[in-house]
Amino acid sequence: MKYVQLTVREPSASRNPMHEFLMESDDASLTQLWNWTTTPEEIDVMLFRVVGDHEAYSAALEDAPFVTDYATAHLDSESFYVYVEHATREEDAVFREPFLHRRILTIPPIEFTDGGDTRMEIIGRPEDIQAVVDEFPAEFDVQIEQLSAYGQGLDVSASLLTERQREAVTVAVDLGYYEVPRTASVEDVAAELDCASSTAAAHLQKAHARMAHKIAGQSR
């Protein structure tokens, strides 16, 4: 078995309009798809976690003609869950085609970024993973970000963080914020992120809290 991190960039003509909203609006920065299924009537049923403004995202869903129903639930001050039902788009079926009838599993969440990328983790037989990559249409940009033996690359903790929190932690590591003795300050992290020191501190604190709760929960 192999583990792979894939980044897929669709042409704008086929990208889901809600992903386009994520790219074009300042009201959301990340969408994570945690669970999904398709009914015999070709209705996609999905559960998302969205980092962004609840009202703005709900308004975008209202304006999307293919969405047949949705419901939201607040998660925290920065994010919320969205249950969505929408008619299967032909473009979405094209995206899924390479994954069909393969001996692979997708590890939630699938991430849709405000930069236009779709990031996912899959495990399965090497020949099936290669077939997935090869069978995407030529206009799709598919990059293998990580390839390893099954179990070596899995990291569920990173999916707990928002993209901005993950960026803050990455910058902090690179600058030496976590070194002993510490060689960088919160102010240094803030300067690199181009934000206020209080904002950088908040990103780091929330990231630390989520990771700590995850570790404590796993150790019980």
N, C-alpha and C. Protein backbone atom coordinates (compact mmCIF):
# COMPACT_ATOMS: atom_id res chain seq x y z
N MET A 1 0.84 -1.20 0.00
CA MET A 1 0.00 0.00 0.00
C MET A 1 0.87 1.26 0.00
N LYS A 2 0.42 2.28 -0.70
CA LYS A 2 1.12 3.56 -0.75
C LYS A 2 0.20 4.68 -0.27
N TYR A 3 0.84 5.72 0.26
CA TYR A 3 0.14 6.92 0.70
C TYR A 3 0.60 8.08 -0.17
N VAL A 4 -0.35 8.88 -0.65
CA VAL A 4 -0.02 9.98 -1.55
C VAL A 4 -0.80 11.23 -1.16
N GLN A 5 -0.11 12.37 -1.18
CA GLN A 5 -0.77 13.67 -1.10
C GLN A 5 -0.81 14.26 -2.51
N LEU A 6 -2.01 14.57 -2.97
CA LEU A 6 -2.19 15.13 -4.30
C LEU A 6 -2.68 16.57 -4.22
N THR A 7 -2.21 17.39 -5.12
CA THR A 7 -2.77 18.72 -5.32
C THR A 7 -3.27 18.79 -6.76
N VAL A 8 -4.55 19.10 -6.91
CA VAL A 8 -5.18 19.15 -8.23
C VAL A 8 -5.68 20.57 -8.47
N ARG A 9 -5.36 21.08 -9.63
CA ARG A 9 -5.86 22.41 -10.02
C ARG A 9 -6.69 22.25 -11.28
N GLU A 10 -7.97 22.56 -11.15
CA GLU A 10 -8.89 22.44 -12.28
C GLU A 10 -8.85 23.70 -13.14
N PRO A 11 -9.21 23.56 -14.42
CA PRO A 11 -9.42 24.77 -15.22
C PRO A 11 -10.64 25.52 -14.69
N SER A 12 -10.62 26.82 -14.78
CA SER A 12 -11.69 27.62 -14.18
C SER A 12 -13.06 27.27 -14.76
N ALA A 13 -13.10 26.83 -16.00
CA ALA A 13 -14.38 26.52 -16.64
C ALA A 13 -15.10 25.35 -15.97
N SER A 14 -14.36 24.45 -15.33
CA SER A 14 -14.98 23.28 -14.72
C SER A 14 -15.02 23.34 -13.20
N ARG A 15 -14.37 24.33 -12.62
CA ARG A 15 -14.31 24.43 -11.16
C ARG A 15 -15.70 24.72 -10.58
N ASN A 16 -16.01 24.09 -9.46
CA ASN A 16 -17.30 24.30 -8.80
C ASN A 16 -17.46 25.77 -8.43
N PRO A 17 -18.63 26.37 -8.70
CA PRO A 17 -18.83 27.79 -8.39
C PRO A 17 -18.58 28.15 -6.93
N MET A 18 -18.79 27.22 -6.01
CA MET A 18 -18.52 27.52 -4.60
C MET A 18 -17.02 27.60 -4.34
N HIS A 19 -16.23 26.87 -5.12
CA HIS A 19 -14.77 27.01 -5.03
C HIS A 19 -14.35 28.33 -5.65
N GLU A 20 -15.02 28.73 -6.73
CA GLU A 20 -14.75 30.04 -7.32
C GLU A 20 -15.05 31.15 -6.32
N PHE A 21 -16.14 31.01 -5.57
CA PHE A 21 -16.47 31.99 -4.53
C PHE A 21 -15.35 32.09 -3.51
N LEU A 22 -14.82 30.94 -3.13
CA LEU A 22 -13.72 30.90 -2.16
C LEU A 22 -12.51 31.67 -2.69
N MET A 23 -12.24 31.56 -3.98
CA MET A 23 -11.09 32.22 -4.58
C MET A 23 -11.29 33.72 -4.72
N GLU A 24 -12.51 34.12 -5.05
CA GLU A 24 -12.76 35.51 -5.40
C GLU A 24 -13.17 36.38 -4.22
N SER A 25 -13.66 35.76 -3.15
CA SER A 25 -14.18 36.53 -2.02
C SER A 25 -13.18 36.60 -0.88
N ASP A 26 -13.24 37.68 -0.13
CA ASP A 26 -12.45 37.80 1.09
C ASP A 26 -13.19 37.24 2.30
N ASP A 27 -14.37 36.67 2.07
CA ASP A 27 -15.22 36.22 3.17
C ASP A 27 -14.98 34.76 3.56
N ALA A 28 -14.10 34.05 2.85
CA ALA A 28 -13.79 32.66 3.19
C ALA A 28 -12.38 32.35 2.70
N SER A 29 -11.69 31.47 3.42
CA SER A 29 -10.30 31.16 3.07
C SER A 29 -10.04 29.68 2.85
N LEU A 30 -10.93 28.81 3.34
CA LEU A 30 -10.69 27.37 3.23
C LEU A 30 -12.00 26.62 3.37
N THR A 31 -12.17 25.57 2.55
CA THR A 31 -13.30 24.66 2.68
C THR A 31 -12.76 23.25 2.76
N GLN A 32 -13.23 22.49 3.74
CA GLN A 32 -12.82 21.10 3.90
C GLN A 32 -14.03 20.19 3.72
N LEU A 33 -13.92 19.22 2.83
CA LEU A 33 -14.97 18.23 2.61
C LEU A 33 -14.68 17.02 3.49
N TRP A 34 -15.56 16.78 4.47
CA TRP A 34 -15.32 15.73 5.45
C TRP A 34 -16.05 14.43 5.14
N ASN A 35 -17.19 14.52 4.48
CA ASN A 35 -17.93 13.29 4.14
C ASN A 35 -18.81 13.57 2.94
N TRP A 36 -19.09 12.52 2.17
CA TRP A 36 -19.86 12.73 0.95
C TRP A 36 -20.43 11.40 0.46
N THR A 37 -21.51 11.50 -0.29
CA THR A 37 -22.10 10.36 -0.98
C THR A 37 -22.92 10.90 -2.13
N THR A 38 -23.33 10.01 -3.03
CA THR A 38 -24.18 10.39 -4.16
C THR A 38 -25.37 9.45 -4.20
N THR A 39 -26.57 10.00 -4.33
CA THR A 39 -27.78 9.20 -4.36
C THR A 39 -28.03 8.65 -5.76
N PRO A 40 -28.91 7.63 -5.88
CA PRO A 40 -29.25 7.13 -7.22
C PRO A 40 -29.86 8.20 -8.12
N GLU A 41 -30.42 9.24 -7.50
CA GLU A 41 -31.01 10.35 -8.28
C GLU A 41 -29.96 11.38 -8.70
N GLU A 42 -28.69 11.05 -8.50
CA GLU A 42 -27.56 11.93 -8.84
C GLU A 42 -27.62 13.25 -8.07
N ILE A 43 -27.87 13.11 -6.78
CA ILE A 43 -27.78 14.23 -5.85
C ILE A 43 -26.55 14.00 -4.97
N ASP A 44 -25.63 14.94 -4.96
CA ASP A 44 -24.46 14.87 -4.08
C ASP A 44 -24.85 15.36 -2.69
N VAL A 45 -24.50 14.57 -1.68
CA VAL A 45 -24.77 14.92 -0.28
C VAL A 45 -23.42 15.03 0.41
N MET A 46 -23.12 16.22 0.96
CA MET A 46 -21.77 16.48 1.45
C MET A 46 -21.78 17.25 2.76
N LEU A 47 -20.74 17.02 3.55
CA LEU A 47 -20.54 17.77 4.79
C LEU A 47 -19.21 18.51 4.70
N PHE A 48 -19.28 19.85 4.78
CA PHE A 48 -18.09 20.69 4.70
C PHE A 48 -17.83 21.38 6.04
N ARG A 49 -16.57 21.69 6.26
CA ARG A 49 -16.18 22.67 7.27
C ARG A 49 -15.63 23.87 6.52
N VAL A 50 -16.18 25.03 6.81
CA VAL A 50 -15.79 26.25 6.10
C VAL A 50 -15.15 27.22 7.07
N VAL A 51 -14.00 27.76 6.70
CA VAL A 51 -13.35 28.82 7.47
C VAL A 51 -13.69 30.13 6.78
N GLY A 52 -14.52 30.93 7.44
CA GLY A 52 -14.93 32.18 6.82
C GLY A 52 -16.19 32.74 7.43
N ASP A 53 -16.80 33.67 6.72
CA ASP A 53 -17.99 34.37 7.19
C ASP A 53 -19.24 33.55 6.88
N HIS A 54 -19.99 33.25 7.93
CA HIS A 54 -21.15 32.38 7.80
C HIS A 54 -22.21 32.98 6.88
N GLU A 55 -22.54 34.24 7.08
CA GLU A 55 -23.61 34.88 6.31
C GLU A 55 -23.24 34.99 4.83
N ALA A 56 -22.02 35.36 4.55
CA ALA A 56 -21.59 35.51 3.15
C ALA A 56 -21.60 34.18 2.42
N TYR A 57 -21.14 33.13 3.09
CA TYR A 57 -21.11 31.82 2.45
C TYR A 57 -22.52 31.30 2.23
N SER A 58 -23.40 31.51 3.21
CA SER A 58 -24.79 31.08 3.07
C SER A 58 -25.46 31.80 1.91
N ALA A 59 -25.17 33.08 1.76
CA ALA A 59 -25.73 33.85 0.64
C ALA A 59 -25.26 33.29 -0.70
N ALA A 60 -24.00 32.88 -0.77
CA ALA A 60 -23.47 32.29 -2.00
C ALA A 60 -24.17 30.96 -2.31
N LEU A 61 -24.45 30.18 -1.28
CA LEU A 61 -25.19 28.93 -1.48
C LEU A 61 -26.60 29.20 -1.99
N GLU A 62 -27.22 30.24 -1.46
CA GLU A 62 -28.57 30.61 -1.91
C GLU A 62 -28.57 30.96 -3.39
N ASP A 63 -27.49 31.56 -3.86
CA ASP A 63 -27.41 32.01 -5.25
C ASP A 63 -26.98 30.90 -6.21
N ALA A 64 -26.53 29.76 -5.67
CA ALA A 64 -26.04 28.67 -6.53
C ALA A 64 -27.23 27.85 -7.04
N PRO A 65 -27.51 27.86 -8.34
CA PRO A 65 -28.72 27.20 -8.85
C PRO A 65 -28.71 25.68 -8.70
N PHE A 66 -27.54 25.07 -8.59
CA PHE A 66 -27.46 23.62 -8.50
C PHE A 66 -27.66 23.11 -7.07
N VAL A 67 -27.60 24.00 -6.07
CA VAL A 67 -27.80 23.60 -4.68
C VAL A 67 -29.29 23.45 -4.41
N THR A 68 -29.70 22.26 -3.97
CA THR A 68 -31.12 21.99 -3.72
C THR A 68 -31.50 22.15 -2.25
N ASP A 69 -30.53 22.00 -1.36
CA ASP A 69 -30.82 22.17 0.07
C ASP A 69 -29.49 22.30 0.81
N TYR A 70 -29.53 22.99 1.94
CA TYR A 70 -28.34 23.08 2.78
C TYR A 70 -28.74 23.47 4.20
N ALA A 71 -27.84 23.20 5.14
CA ALA A 71 -28.02 23.60 6.53
C ALA A 71 -26.65 23.88 7.11
N THR A 72 -26.57 24.81 8.06
CA THR A 72 -25.29 25.18 8.64
C THR A 72 -25.32 25.03 10.16
N ALA A 73 -24.14 24.89 10.74
CA ALA A 73 -24.01 24.82 12.20
C ALA A 73 -22.67 25.43 12.59
N HIS A 74 -22.70 26.39 13.50
CA HIS A 74 -21.47 27.06 13.93
C HIS A 74 -20.56 26.07 14.65
N LEU A 75 -19.27 26.16 14.35
CA LEU A 75 -18.26 25.33 15.00
C LEU A 75 -17.48 26.14 16.01
N ASP A 76 -16.92 27.27 15.58
CA ASP A 76 -16.23 28.19 16.48
C ASP A 76 -16.30 29.58 15.86
N SER A 77 -15.53 30.51 16.40
CA SER A 77 -15.61 31.89 15.92
C SER A 77 -15.11 32.06 14.49
N GLU A 78 -14.34 31.08 14.00
CA GLU A 78 -13.75 31.20 12.67
C GLU A 78 -14.35 30.28 11.63
N SER A 79 -15.11 29.27 12.06
CA SER A 79 -15.54 28.26 11.10
C SER A 79 -16.92 27.70 11.45
N PHE A 80 -17.49 26.98 10.49
CA PHE A 80 -18.81 26.39 10.66
C PHE A 80 -18.94 25.18 9.75
N TYR A 81 -19.90 24.31 10.05
CA TYR A 81 -20.20 23.15 9.22
C TYR A 81 -21.31 23.52 8.23
N VAL A 82 -21.25 22.91 7.06
CA VAL A 82 -22.31 23.07 6.06
C VAL A 82 -22.69 21.70 5.51
N TYR A 83 -23.96 21.34 5.67
CA TYR A 83 -24.52 20.15 5.02
C TYR A 83 -25.14 20.63 3.72
N VAL A 84 -24.74 20.02 2.60
CA VAL A 84 -25.19 20.49 1.29
C VAL A 84 -25.73 19.32 0.47
N GLU A 85 -26.84 19.56 -0.19
CA GLU A 85 -27.34 18.66 -1.23
C GLU A 85 -27.36 19.44 -2.54
N HIS A 86 -26.73 18.89 -3.58
CA HIS A 86 -26.84 19.57 -4.87
C HIS A 86 -26.78 18.56 -6.02
N ALA A 87 -27.37 18.95 -7.12
CA ALA A 87 -27.39 18.10 -8.30
C ALA A 87 -25.96 17.86 -8.78
N THR A 88 -25.66 16.62 -9.14
CA THR A 88 -24.32 16.29 -9.62
C THR A 88 -24.04 17.03 -10.92
N ARG A 89 -23.02 17.85 -10.92
CA ARG A 89 -22.63 18.59 -12.12
C ARG A 89 -21.79 17.69 -13.03
N GLU A 90 -21.92 17.86 -14.32
CA GLU A 90 -21.13 17.08 -15.26
C GLU A 90 -19.64 17.27 -15.01
N GLU A 91 -19.25 18.51 -14.66
CA GLU A 91 -17.84 18.80 -14.41
C GLU A 91 -17.33 18.06 -13.18
N ASP A 92 -18.19 17.91 -12.16
CA ASP A 92 -17.78 17.17 -10.96
C ASP A 92 -17.62 15.68 -11.28
N ALA A 93 -18.48 15.17 -12.15
CA ALA A 93 -18.37 13.77 -12.55
C ALA A 93 -17.05 13.52 -13.29
N VAL A 94 -16.62 14.49 -14.09
CA VAL A 94 -15.33 14.37 -14.79
C VAL A 94 -14.19 14.32 -13.79
N PHE A 95 -14.26 15.15 -12.74
CA PHE A 95 -13.22 15.16 -11.71
C PHE A 95 -13.14 13.81 -11.01
N ARG A 96 -14.29 13.17 -10.78
CA ARG A 96 -14.32 11.92 -10.02
C ARG A 96 -13.96 10.70 -10.86
N GLU A 97 -14.08 10.81 -12.16
CA GLU A 97 -13.93 9.66 -13.04
C GLU A 97 -12.62 8.89 -12.80
N PRO A 98 -11.46 9.54 -12.64
CA PRO A 98 -10.22 8.78 -12.44
C PRO A 98 -10.22 7.92 -11.17
N PHE A 99 -11.07 8.28 -10.19
CA PHE A 99 -11.07 7.56 -8.91
C PHE A 99 -11.99 6.34 -8.92
N LEU A 100 -12.86 6.24 -9.92
CA LEU A 100 -13.87 5.19 -9.91
C LEU A 100 -13.25 3.82 -10.20
N HIS A 101 -13.75 2.81 -9.49
CA HIS A 101 -13.36 1.42 -9.71
C HIS A 101 -11.88 1.18 -9.48
N ARG A 102 -11.30 1.97 -8.56
CA ARG A 102 -9.90 1.80 -8.19
C ARG A 102 -9.81 1.28 -6.76
N ARG A 103 -8.76 0.55 -6.47
CA ARG A 103 -8.54 0.05 -5.11
C ARG A 103 -7.78 1.11 -4.31
N ILE A 104 -8.48 2.21 -4.06
CA ILE A 104 -7.91 3.32 -3.31
C ILE A 104 -8.95 3.83 -2.33
N LEU A 105 -8.48 4.55 -1.32
CA LEU A 105 -9.35 5.22 -0.36
C LEU A 105 -8.90 6.67 -0.23
N THR A 106 -9.86 7.56 -0.15
CA THR A 106 -9.57 8.97 0.10
C THR A 106 -9.69 9.24 1.59
N ILE A 107 -8.70 9.90 2.17
CA ILE A 107 -8.68 10.20 3.60
C ILE A 107 -9.22 11.61 3.80
N PRO A 108 -10.36 11.75 4.48
CA PRO A 108 -10.88 13.10 4.73
C PRO A 108 -9.95 13.90 5.64
N PRO A 109 -9.95 15.24 5.51
CA PRO A 109 -10.80 15.99 4.59
C PRO A 109 -10.09 16.25 3.26
N ILE A 110 -10.90 16.47 2.22
CA ILE A 110 -10.40 17.06 0.98
C ILE A 110 -10.47 18.57 1.15
N GLU A 111 -9.38 19.26 0.85
CA GLU A 111 -9.32 20.71 1.09
C GLU A 111 -9.40 21.48 -0.22
N PHE A 112 -10.23 22.51 -0.21
CA PHE A 112 -10.34 23.45 -1.32
C PHE A 112 -9.82 24.79 -0.83
N THR A 113 -8.77 25.30 -1.44
CA THR A 113 -8.11 26.50 -0.94
C THR A 113 -8.53 27.73 -1.74
N ASP A 114 -8.27 28.90 -1.13
CA ASP A 114 -8.61 30.15 -1.82
C ASP A 114 -7.63 30.46 -2.95
N GLY A 115 -6.60 29.64 -3.09
CA GLY A 115 -5.70 29.78 -4.22
C GLY A 115 -6.13 28.98 -5.44
N GLY A 116 -7.22 28.20 -5.29
CA GLY A 116 -7.75 27.43 -6.40
C GLY A 116 -7.35 25.97 -6.42
N ASP A 117 -6.56 25.53 -5.43
CA ASP A 117 -6.11 24.14 -5.39
C ASP A 117 -7.10 23.26 -4.64
N THR A 118 -7.12 21.98 -5.04
CA THR A 118 -7.82 20.94 -4.30
C THR A 118 -6.76 19.98 -3.78
N ARG A 119 -6.69 19.82 -2.46
CA ARG A 119 -5.66 18.97 -1.86
C ARG A 119 -6.32 17.75 -1.22
N MET A 120 -5.72 16.59 -1.45
CA MET A 120 -6.29 15.36 -0.91
C MET A 120 -5.21 14.35 -0.58
N GLU A 121 -5.57 13.41 0.27
CA GLU A 121 -4.69 12.31 0.64
C GLU A 121 -5.38 11.01 0.27
N ILE A 122 -4.66 10.11 -0.40
CA ILE A 122 -5.24 8.83 -0.77
C ILE A 122 -4.25 7.72 -0.43
N ILE A 123 -4.81 6.54 -0.18
CA ILE A 123 -4.00 5.35 0.03
C ILE A 123 -4.53 4.25 -0.88
N GLY A 124 -3.65 3.34 -1.27
CA GLY A 124 -4.08 2.24 -2.11
C GLY A 124 -2.91 1.57 -2.80
N ARG A 125 -3.24 0.73 -3.75
CA ARG A 125 -2.21 0.02 -4.50
C ARG A 125 -1.47 0.99 -5.42
N PRO A 126 -0.16 0.85 -5.54
CA PRO A 126 0.63 1.80 -6.34
C PRO A 126 0.12 1.94 -7.77
N GLU A 127 -0.28 0.81 -8.38
CA GLU A 127 -0.72 0.88 -9.78
C GLU A 127 -2.05 1.64 -9.91
N ASP A 128 -2.90 1.54 -8.88
CA ASP A 128 -4.17 2.26 -8.93
C ASP A 128 -3.97 3.75 -8.68
N ILE A 129 -3.06 4.08 -7.78
CA ILE A 129 -2.75 5.50 -7.54
C ILE A 129 -2.18 6.13 -8.80
N GLN A 130 -1.28 5.42 -9.47
CA GLN A 130 -0.70 5.95 -10.70
C GLN A 130 -1.77 6.13 -11.78
N ALA A 131 -2.72 5.20 -11.83
CA ALA A 131 -3.80 5.29 -12.81
C ALA A 131 -4.66 6.52 -12.56
N VAL A 132 -4.90 6.83 -11.29
CA VAL A 132 -5.67 8.03 -10.95
C VAL A 132 -4.98 9.27 -11.51
N VAL A 133 -3.68 9.38 -11.25
CA VAL A 133 -2.92 10.55 -11.72
C VAL A 133 -2.93 10.62 -13.24
N ASP A 134 -2.74 9.49 -13.89
CA ASP A 134 -2.62 9.47 -15.35
C ASP A 134 -3.93 9.77 -16.06
N GLU A 135 -5.07 9.45 -15.43
CA GLU A 135 -6.34 9.54 -16.14
C GLU A 135 -7.06 10.87 -15.96
N PHE A 136 -6.47 11.80 -15.23
CA PHE A 136 -7.06 13.14 -15.20
C PHE A 136 -6.94 13.75 -16.60
N PRO A 137 -7.94 14.52 -17.02
CA PRO A 137 -7.83 15.20 -18.32
C PRO A 137 -6.59 16.08 -18.39
N ALA A 138 -6.09 16.30 -19.59
CA ALA A 138 -4.83 17.02 -19.77
C ALA A 138 -4.88 18.44 -19.24
N GLU A 139 -6.07 19.06 -19.22
CA GLU A 139 -6.18 20.44 -18.75
C GLU A 139 -6.14 20.57 -17.23
N PHE A 140 -6.12 19.44 -16.51
CA PHE A 140 -5.98 19.45 -15.06
C PHE A 140 -4.49 19.38 -14.70
N ASP A 141 -4.09 20.21 -13.75
CA ASP A 141 -2.71 20.18 -13.25
C ASP A 141 -2.69 19.33 -11.99
N VAL A 142 -2.06 18.15 -12.05
CA VAL A 142 -2.03 17.21 -10.93
C VAL A 142 -0.59 17.06 -10.45
N GLN A 143 -0.37 17.36 -9.18
CA GLN A 143 0.96 17.29 -8.59
C GLN A 143 0.97 16.30 -7.43
N ILE A 144 1.96 15.41 -7.39
CA ILE A 144 2.16 14.53 -6.24
C ILE A 144 3.07 15.26 -5.26
N GLU A 145 2.51 15.65 -4.11
CA GLU A 145 3.27 16.41 -3.12
C GLU A 145 4.06 15.51 -2.18
N GLN A 146 3.53 14.31 -1.93
CA GLN A 146 4.22 13.38 -1.04
C GLN A 146 3.85 11.96 -1.42
N LEU A 147 4.82 11.08 -1.42
CA LEU A 147 4.60 9.66 -1.71
C LEU A 147 5.39 8.86 -0.69
N SER A 148 4.71 7.97 0.01
CA SER A 148 5.40 7.18 1.03
C SER A 148 4.66 5.87 1.23
N ALA A 149 5.28 4.98 2.01
CA ALA A 149 4.62 3.74 2.37
C ALA A 149 3.43 4.04 3.25
N TYR A 150 2.41 3.21 3.18
CA TYR A 150 1.20 3.40 3.97
C TYR A 150 1.54 3.51 5.45
N GLY A 151 1.04 4.56 6.09
CA GLY A 151 1.25 4.76 7.52
C GLY A 151 2.35 5.75 7.83
N GLN A 152 3.30 5.94 6.91
CA GLN A 152 4.42 6.83 7.19
C GLN A 152 4.07 8.30 7.02
N GLY A 153 3.10 8.59 6.16
CA GLY A 153 2.81 9.99 5.88
C GLY A 153 1.55 10.52 6.53
N LEU A 154 0.78 9.65 7.17
CA LEU A 154 -0.50 10.07 7.72
C LEU A 154 -0.32 11.07 8.84
N ASP A 155 -1.06 12.16 8.78
CA ASP A 155 -0.98 13.20 9.81
C ASP A 155 -2.35 13.85 9.95
N VAL A 156 -3.18 13.27 10.83
CA VAL A 156 -4.53 13.80 11.00
C VAL A 156 -4.51 15.11 11.76
N SER A 157 -3.44 15.40 12.49
CA SER A 157 -3.41 16.61 13.30
C SER A 157 -3.43 17.87 12.46
N ALA A 158 -2.74 17.86 11.31
CA ALA A 158 -2.68 19.06 10.48
C ALA A 158 -4.04 19.49 9.99
N SER A 159 -4.96 18.52 9.79
CA SER A 159 -6.28 18.86 9.28
C SER A 159 -7.13 19.58 10.31
N LEU A 160 -6.69 19.60 11.56
CA LEU A 160 -7.43 20.32 12.60
C LEU A 160 -7.26 21.83 12.47
N LEU A 161 -6.24 22.27 11.79
CA LEU A 161 -5.90 23.69 11.75
C LEU A 161 -6.45 24.36 10.51
N THR A 162 -6.78 25.64 10.65
CA THR A 162 -7.12 26.42 9.48
C THR A 162 -5.86 26.65 8.66
N GLU A 163 -6.02 27.06 7.41
CA GLU A 163 -4.86 27.29 6.57
C GLU A 163 -3.97 28.39 7.16
N ARG A 164 -4.59 29.43 7.72
CA ARG A 164 -3.82 30.53 8.31
C ARG A 164 -3.07 30.07 9.56
N GLN A 165 -3.71 29.22 10.39
CA GLN A 165 -3.04 28.69 11.57
C GLN A 165 -1.86 27.81 11.17
N ARG A 166 -2.06 27.01 10.15
CA ARG A 166 -0.98 26.14 9.68
C ARG A 166 0.17 26.97 9.14
N GLU A 167 -0.15 28.04 8.43
CA GLU A 167 0.89 28.94 7.91
C GLU A 167 1.66 29.58 9.05
N ALA A 168 0.94 30.01 10.10
CA ALA A 168 1.59 30.65 11.24
C ALA A 168 2.55 29.69 11.94
N VAL A 169 2.11 28.45 12.13
CA VAL A 169 2.96 27.46 12.79
C VAL A 169 4.18 27.15 11.92
N THR A 170 3.99 27.04 10.61
CA THR A 170 5.11 26.76 9.70
C THR A 170 6.14 27.87 9.75
N VAL A 171 5.66 29.12 9.71
CA VAL A 171 6.57 30.27 9.78
C VAL A 171 7.31 30.27 11.12
N ALA A 172 6.58 29.98 12.20
CA ALA A 172 7.19 29.96 13.53
C ALA A 172 8.30 28.92 13.61
N VAL A 173 8.06 27.75 13.02
CA VAL A 173 9.10 26.71 13.00
C VAL A 173 10.31 27.17 12.21
N ASP A 174 10.06 27.73 11.03
CA ASP A 174 11.16 28.17 10.15
C ASP A 174 12.01 29.27 10.80
N LEU A 175 11.38 30.15 11.56
CA LEU A 175 12.10 31.27 12.16
C LEU A 175 12.81 30.91 13.46
N GLY A 176 12.46 29.76 14.04
CA GLY A 176 13.09 29.35 15.30
C GLY A 176 12.28 29.68 16.54
N TYR A 177 11.00 29.95 16.37
CA TYR A 177 10.14 30.29 17.51
C TYR A 177 10.06 29.13 18.51
N TYR A 178 10.17 27.90 18.01
CA TYR A 178 10.05 26.74 18.89
C TYR A 178 11.40 26.17 19.32
N GLU A 179 12.48 26.82 18.92
CA GLU A 179 13.80 26.35 19.34
C GLU A 179 14.01 26.61 20.83
N VAL A 180 14.94 25.84 21.42
CA VAL A 180 15.31 26.05 22.82
C VAL A 180 16.82 26.28 22.87
N PRO A 181 17.26 27.52 23.19
CA PRO A 181 16.42 28.68 23.49
C PRO A 181 15.77 29.25 22.23
N ARG A 182 14.69 29.99 22.42
CA ARG A 182 13.92 30.56 21.32
C ARG A 182 14.75 31.60 20.58
N THR A 183 14.74 31.53 19.24
CA THR A 183 15.52 32.47 18.42
C THR A 183 14.64 33.41 17.61
N ALA A 184 13.34 33.38 17.83
CA ALA A 184 12.42 34.29 17.15
C ALA A 184 11.26 34.59 18.08
N SER A 185 10.65 35.74 17.90
CA SER A 185 9.54 36.18 18.74
C SER A 185 8.23 36.16 17.97
N VAL A 186 7.14 36.39 18.68
CA VAL A 186 5.84 36.52 18.03
C VAL A 186 5.87 37.67 17.04
N GLU A 187 6.58 38.73 17.40
CA GLU A 187 6.70 39.88 16.50
C GLU A 187 7.38 39.49 15.19
N ASP A 188 8.38 38.60 15.26
CA ASP A 188 9.05 38.14 14.04
C ASP A 188 8.08 37.33 13.17
N VAL A 189 7.29 36.48 13.82
CA VAL A 189 6.29 35.70 13.08
C VAL A 189 5.28 36.62 12.42
N ALA A 190 4.83 37.63 13.17
CA ALA A 190 3.86 38.59 12.64
C ALA A 190 4.41 39.34 11.43
N ALA A 191 5.67 39.72 11.50
CA ALA A 191 6.29 40.45 10.39
C ALA A 191 6.32 39.59 9.13
N GLU A 192 6.62 38.31 9.30
CA GLU A 192 6.67 37.40 8.15
C GLU A 192 5.28 37.16 7.57
N LEU A 193 4.27 37.11 8.46
CA LEU A 193 2.89 36.90 8.02
C LEU A 193 2.23 38.18 7.54
N ASP A 194 2.89 39.31 7.79
CA ASP A 194 2.34 40.63 7.44
C ASP A 194 1.01 40.87 8.16
N CYS A 195 1.04 40.68 9.48
CA CYS A 195 -0.15 40.91 10.29
C CYS A 195 0.28 41.48 11.64
N ALA A 196 -0.68 41.88 12.45
CA ALA A 196 -0.38 42.41 13.78
C ALA A 196 0.15 41.31 14.68
N SER A 197 0.95 41.71 15.68
CA SER A 197 1.50 40.73 16.63
C SER A 197 0.39 40.00 17.37
N SER A 198 -0.67 40.72 17.72
CA SER A 198 -1.78 40.10 18.43
C SER A 198 -2.47 39.05 17.56
N THR A 199 -2.53 39.32 16.24
CA THR A 199 -3.15 38.35 15.33
C THR A 199 -2.29 37.10 15.21
N ALA A 200 -0.97 37.28 15.07
CA ALA A 200 -0.07 36.13 14.99
C ALA A 200 -0.13 35.31 16.27
N ALA A 201 -0.16 35.99 17.41
CA ALA A 201 -0.25 35.29 18.70
C ALA A 201 -1.54 34.49 18.79
N ALA A 202 -2.64 35.07 18.29
CA ALA A 202 -3.92 34.37 18.34
C ALA A 202 -3.90 33.13 17.45
N HIS A 203 -3.32 33.24 16.26
CA HIS A 203 -3.21 32.08 15.36
C HIS A 203 -2.42 30.96 16.04
N LEU A 204 -1.29 31.30 16.64
CA LEU A 204 -0.45 30.29 17.28
C LEU A 204 -1.14 29.69 18.49
N GLN A 205 -1.80 30.52 19.28
CA GLN A 205 -2.47 30.02 20.48
C GLN A 205 -3.59 29.06 20.13
N LYS A 206 -4.38 29.41 19.12
CA LYS A 206 -5.47 28.53 18.71
C LYS A 206 -4.94 27.22 18.12
N ALA A 207 -3.85 27.32 17.36
CA ALA A 207 -3.24 26.11 16.81
C ALA A 207 -2.71 25.21 17.92
N HIS A 208 -2.05 25.82 18.90
CA HIS A 208 -1.53 25.04 20.03
C HIS A 208 -2.65 24.37 20.79
N ALA A 209 -3.75 25.09 21.00
CA ALA A 209 -4.87 24.55 21.77
C ALA A 209 -5.49 23.35 21.05
N ARG A 210 -5.68 23.47 19.75
CA ARG A 210 -6.30 22.38 19.00
C ARG A 210 -5.40 21.15 18.98
N MET A 211 -4.10 21.37 18.79
CA MET A 211 -3.17 20.25 18.78
C MET A 211 -3.06 19.61 20.15
N ALA A 212 -3.07 20.40 21.20
CA ALA A 212 -2.97 19.87 22.55
C ALA A 212 -4.18 19.02 22.89
N HIS A 213 -5.37 19.51 22.53
CA HIS A 213 -6.59 18.73 22.79
C HIS A 213 -6.57 17.42 22.01
N LYS A 214 -6.06 17.47 20.77
CA LYS A 214 -5.97 16.26 19.97
C LYS A 214 -5.02 15.25 20.59
N ILE A 215 -3.84 15.71 21.00
CA ILE A 215 -2.85 14.81 21.60
C ILE A 215 -3.37 14.23 22.91
N ALA A 216 -3.98 15.08 23.74
CA ALA A 216 -4.52 14.61 25.01
C ALA A 216 -5.61 13.59 24.80
N GLY A 217 -6.44 13.82 23.79
CA GLY A 217 -7.51 12.88 23.51
C GLY A 217 -6.99 11.55 23.02
N GLN A 218 -5.91 11.57 22.21
CA GLN A 218 -5.34 10.34 21.70
C GLN A 218 -4.64 9.53 22.78
N SER A 219 -4.17 10.21 23.83
CA SER A 219 -3.39 9.52 24.85
C SER A 219 -4.26 8.89 25.92
N ARG A 220 -5.56 9.19 25.92
CA ARG A 220 -6.43 8.64 26.96
C ARG A 220 -6.83 7.21 26.64
